[in-house]
C-alpha atoms as a PDB file:
ATOM      1  CA  UNK A   1     -11.816   4.270 -14.214  1.00  0.00           C
ATOM      2  CA  UNK A   2     -12.774   0.741 -13.179  1.00  0.00           C
ATOM      3  CA  UNK A   3     -12.098  -0.314  -9.629  1.00  0.00           C
ATOM      4  CA  UNK A   4     -10.769  -3.772  -9.045  1.00  0.00           C
ATOM      5  CA  UNK A   5     -13.220  -5.848  -7.096  1.00  0.00           C
ATOM      6  CA  UNK A   6     -12.076  -8.153  -4.372  1.00  0.00           C
ATOM      7  CA  UNK A   7     -14.029 -11.364  -4.358  1.00  0.00           C
ATOM      8  CA  UNK A   8     -15.146 -12.359  -0.898  1.00  0.00           C
ATOM      9  CA  UNK A   9     -14.548 -16.024  -0.276  1.00  0.00           C
ATOM     10  CA  UNK A  10     -16.958 -17.465   2.260  1.00  0.00           C
ATOM     11  CA  UNK A  11     -15.535 -19.315   5.247  1.00  0.00           C
ATOM     12  CA  UNK A  12     -15.683 -23.074   5.077  1.00  0.00           C
ATOM     13  CA  UNK A  13     -18.765 -24.391   6.811  1.00  0.00           C
ATOM     14  CA  UNK A  14     -19.386 -27.821   8.210  1.00  0.00           C
ATOM     15  CA  UNK A  15     -22.404 -29.910   9.192  1.00  0.00           C
ATOM     16  CA  UNK A  16     -22.683 -29.981  12.965  1.00  0.00           C
ATOM     17  CA  UNK A  17     -23.859 -33.587  12.931  1.00  0.00           C
ATOM     18  CA  UNK A  18     -21.171 -35.291  10.837  1.00  0.00           C
ATOM     19  CA  UNK A  19     -18.530 -32.639  10.122  1.00  0.00           C
ATOM     20  CA  UNK A  20     -18.844 -32.680   6.329  1.00  0.00           C
ATOM     21  CA  UNK A  21     -17.902 -29.471   4.516  1.00  0.00           C
ATOM     22  CA  UNK A  22     -21.092 -27.935   3.166  1.00  0.00           C
ATOM     23  CA  UNK A  23     -21.935 -25.418   0.470  1.00  0.00           C
ATOM     24  CA  UNK A  24     -23.334 -22.192   1.895  1.00  0.00           C
ATOM     25  CA  UNK A  25     -26.785 -22.644   0.327  1.00  0.00           C
ATOM     26  CA  UNK A  26     -27.333 -26.299   1.366  1.00  0.00           C
ATOM     27  CA  UNK A  27     -30.577 -27.132   3.162  1.00  0.00           C
ATOM     28  CA  UNK A  28     -29.603 -30.736   3.996  1.00  0.00           C
ATOM     29  CA  UNK A  29     -26.206 -32.305   4.675  1.00  0.00           C
ATOM     30  CA  UNK A  30     -24.929 -34.024   1.556  1.00  0.00           C
ATOM     31  CA  UNK A  31     -23.289 -36.795   3.621  1.00  0.00           C
ATOM     32  CA  UNK A  32     -25.619 -37.653   6.542  1.00  0.00           C
ATOM     33  CA  UNK A  33     -28.864 -36.026   5.370  1.00  0.00           C
ATOM     34  CA  UNK A  34     -29.381 -33.903   8.495  1.00  0.00           C
ATOM     35  CA  UNK A  35     -31.605 -30.892   8.000  1.00  0.00           C
ATOM     36  CA  UNK A  36     -29.530 -27.754   8.325  1.00  0.00           C
ATOM     37  CA  UNK A  37     -30.707 -24.600  10.068  1.00  0.00           C
ATOM     38  CA  UNK A  38     -30.115 -21.245   8.386  1.00  0.00           C
ATOM     39  CA  UNK A  39     -26.719 -20.739   9.988  1.00  0.00           C
ATOM     40  CA  UNK A  40     -27.097 -22.388  13.366  1.00  0.00           C
ATOM     41  CA  UNK A  41     -26.280 -25.944  12.269  1.00  0.00           C
ATOM     42  CA  UNK A  42     -22.860 -25.021  10.891  1.00  0.00           C
ATOM     43  CA  UNK A  43     -19.538 -24.878  12.650  1.00  0.00           C
ATOM     44  CA  UNK A  44     -17.092 -22.170  11.663  1.00  0.00           C
ATOM     45  CA  UNK A  45     -14.300 -23.846  13.619  1.00  0.00           C
ATOM     46  CA  UNK A  46     -12.644 -27.158  12.930  1.00  0.00           C
ATOM     47  CA  UNK A  47     -15.339 -29.815  12.556  1.00  0.00           C
ATOM     48  CA  UNK A  48     -15.621 -32.820  14.812  1.00  0.00           C
ATOM     49  CA  UNK A  49     -14.107 -35.707  12.916  1.00  0.00           C
ATOM     50  CA  UNK A  50     -16.587 -38.394  11.866  1.00  0.00           C
ATOM     51  CA  UNK A  51     -15.550 -41.538  10.021  1.00  0.00           C
ATOM     52  CA  UNK A  52     -17.285 -44.278   8.095  1.00  0.00           C
ATOM     53  CA  UNK A  53     -15.825 -47.758   8.582  1.00  0.00           C
ATOM     54  CA  UNK A  54     -13.792 -47.414   5.385  1.00  0.00           C
ATOM     55  CA  UNK A  55     -12.453 -43.930   6.147  1.00  0.00           C
ATOM     56  CA  UNK A  56     -11.641 -44.972   9.736  1.00  0.00           C
ATOM     57  CA  UNK A  57      -9.592 -47.898   8.453  1.00  0.00           C
ATOM     58  CA  UNK A  58      -7.756 -45.723   5.956  1.00  0.00           C
ATOM     59  CA  UNK A  59      -7.350 -42.388   7.778  1.00  0.00           C
ATOM     60  CA  UNK A  60      -7.587 -43.140  11.508  1.00  0.00           C
ATOM     61  CA  UNK A  61      -6.086 -46.634  11.771  1.00  0.00           C
ATOM     62  CA  UNK A  62      -3.921 -46.234   8.649  1.00  0.00           C
ATOM     63  CA  UNK A  63      -4.013 -49.946   7.895  1.00  0.00           C
ATOM     64  CA  UNK A  64      -2.980 -51.080  11.395  1.00  0.00           C
ATOM     65  CA  UNK A  65      -6.161 -53.116  11.980  1.00  0.00           C
ATOM     66  CA  UNK A  66      -8.407 -54.995   9.619  1.00  0.00           C
ATOM     67  CA  UNK A  67     -12.025 -54.403   8.709  1.00  0.00           C
ATOM     68  CA  UNK A  68     -13.112 -57.629  10.428  1.00  0.00           C
ATOM     69  CA  UNK A  69     -11.673 -56.537  13.800  1.00  0.00           C
ATOM     70  CA  UNK A  70     -13.246 -53.073  13.544  1.00  0.00           C
ATOM     71  CA  UNK A  71     -16.677 -54.393  12.534  1.00  0.00           C
ATOM     72  CA  UNK A  72     -16.497 -56.993  15.326  1.00  0.00           C
ATOM     73  CA  UNK A  73     -15.825 -54.263  17.921  1.00  0.00           C
ATOM     74  CA  UNK A  74     -18.752 -52.248  16.531  1.00  0.00           C
ATOM     75  CA  UNK A  75     -21.096 -55.278  16.622  1.00  0.00           C
ATOM     76  CA  UNK A  76     -20.056 -56.082  20.221  1.00  0.00           C
ATOM     77  CA  UNK A  77     -20.874 -52.510  21.282  1.00  0.00           C
ATOM     78  CA  UNK A  78     -17.269 -51.672  22.164  1.00  0.00           C
ATOM     79  CA  UNK A  79     -17.250 -48.638  19.862  1.00  0.00           C
ATOM     80  CA  UNK A  80     -20.254 -46.278  20.006  1.00  0.00           C
ATOM     81  CA  UNK A  81     -21.602 -45.579  16.531  1.00  0.00           C
ATOM     82  CA  UNK A  82     -24.599 -44.329  14.606  1.00  0.00           C
ATOM     83  CA  UNK A  83     -26.191 -46.000  11.621  1.00  0.00           C
ATOM     84  CA  UNK A  84     -27.431 -43.713   8.856  1.00  0.00           C
ATOM     85  CA  UNK A  85     -29.025 -45.905   6.240  1.00  0.00           C
ATOM     86  CA  UNK A  86     -26.386 -48.505   5.442  1.00  0.00           C
ATOM     87  CA  UNK A  87     -23.497 -46.329   6.670  1.00  0.00           C
ATOM     88  CA  UNK A  88     -21.945 -46.682  10.104  1.00  0.00           C
ATOM     89  CA  UNK A  89     -20.613 -43.385  11.467  1.00  0.00           C
ATOM     90  CA  UNK A  90     -17.889 -43.318  14.125  1.00  0.00           C
ATOM     91  CA  UNK A  91     -16.747 -40.285  16.111  1.00  0.00           C
ATOM     92  CA  UNK A  92     -13.020 -39.762  16.482  1.00  0.00           C
ATOM     93  CA  UNK A  93     -13.455 -39.440  20.271  1.00  0.00           C
ATOM     94  CA  UNK A  94     -15.060 -42.909  20.402  1.00  0.00           C
ATOM     95  CA  UNK A  95     -12.190 -44.389  18.412  1.00  0.00           C
ATOM     96  CA  UNK A  96      -9.670 -42.666  20.706  1.00  0.00           C
ATOM     97  CA  UNK A  97     -11.334 -44.195  23.799  1.00  0.00           C
ATOM     98  CA  UNK A  98     -11.468 -47.648  22.224  1.00  0.00           C
ATOM     99  CA  UNK A  99      -7.798 -47.466  21.225  1.00  0.00           C
ATOM    100  CA  UNK A 100      -6.811 -46.367  24.748  1.00  0.00           C
ATOM    101  CA  UNK A 101      -8.753 -49.307  26.210  1.00  0.00           C
ATOM    102  CA  UNK A 102      -6.997 -51.688  23.787  1.00  0.00           C
ATOM    103  CA  UNK A 103      -3.589 -50.286  24.761  1.00  0.00           C
ATOM    104  CA  UNK A 104      -4.392 -50.534  28.503  1.00  0.00           C
ATOM    105  CA  UNK A 105      -5.542 -54.137  28.126  1.00  0.00           C
ATOM    106  CA  UNK A 106      -2.341 -54.980  26.276  1.00  0.00           C
ATOM    107  CA  UNK A 107      -0.190 -53.399  29.031  1.00  0.00           C
ATOM    108  CA  UNK A 108      -2.050 -55.270  31.772  1.00  0.00           C
ATOM    109  CA  UNK A 109      -1.678 -58.623  30.003  1.00  0.00           C
ATOM    110  CA  UNK A 110       2.060 -58.072  29.358  1.00  0.00           C
END
């Protein structure tokens, strides 16, 4: 008599540097190129959210600001970022702080 086998589905894993979901056997992050340790460079919990300029505009800001304003704030050093090749990576925490500063400045000027 054959026994039914239960397939074990591995937990989702994420790059610790940029938060991209990674295949279990990856040696380098497919998004940011970071070298991955055996298991130490993965997060089993919710990843830190990292955005490119385009994904930040679409997912974080949801069309409320334009690309010119965001790129201007990045160029002026108002939003901490990392350049990886031609990509600009933004942490959600940095965007949260920048948005809070924008809201505070608006309240003070009102």
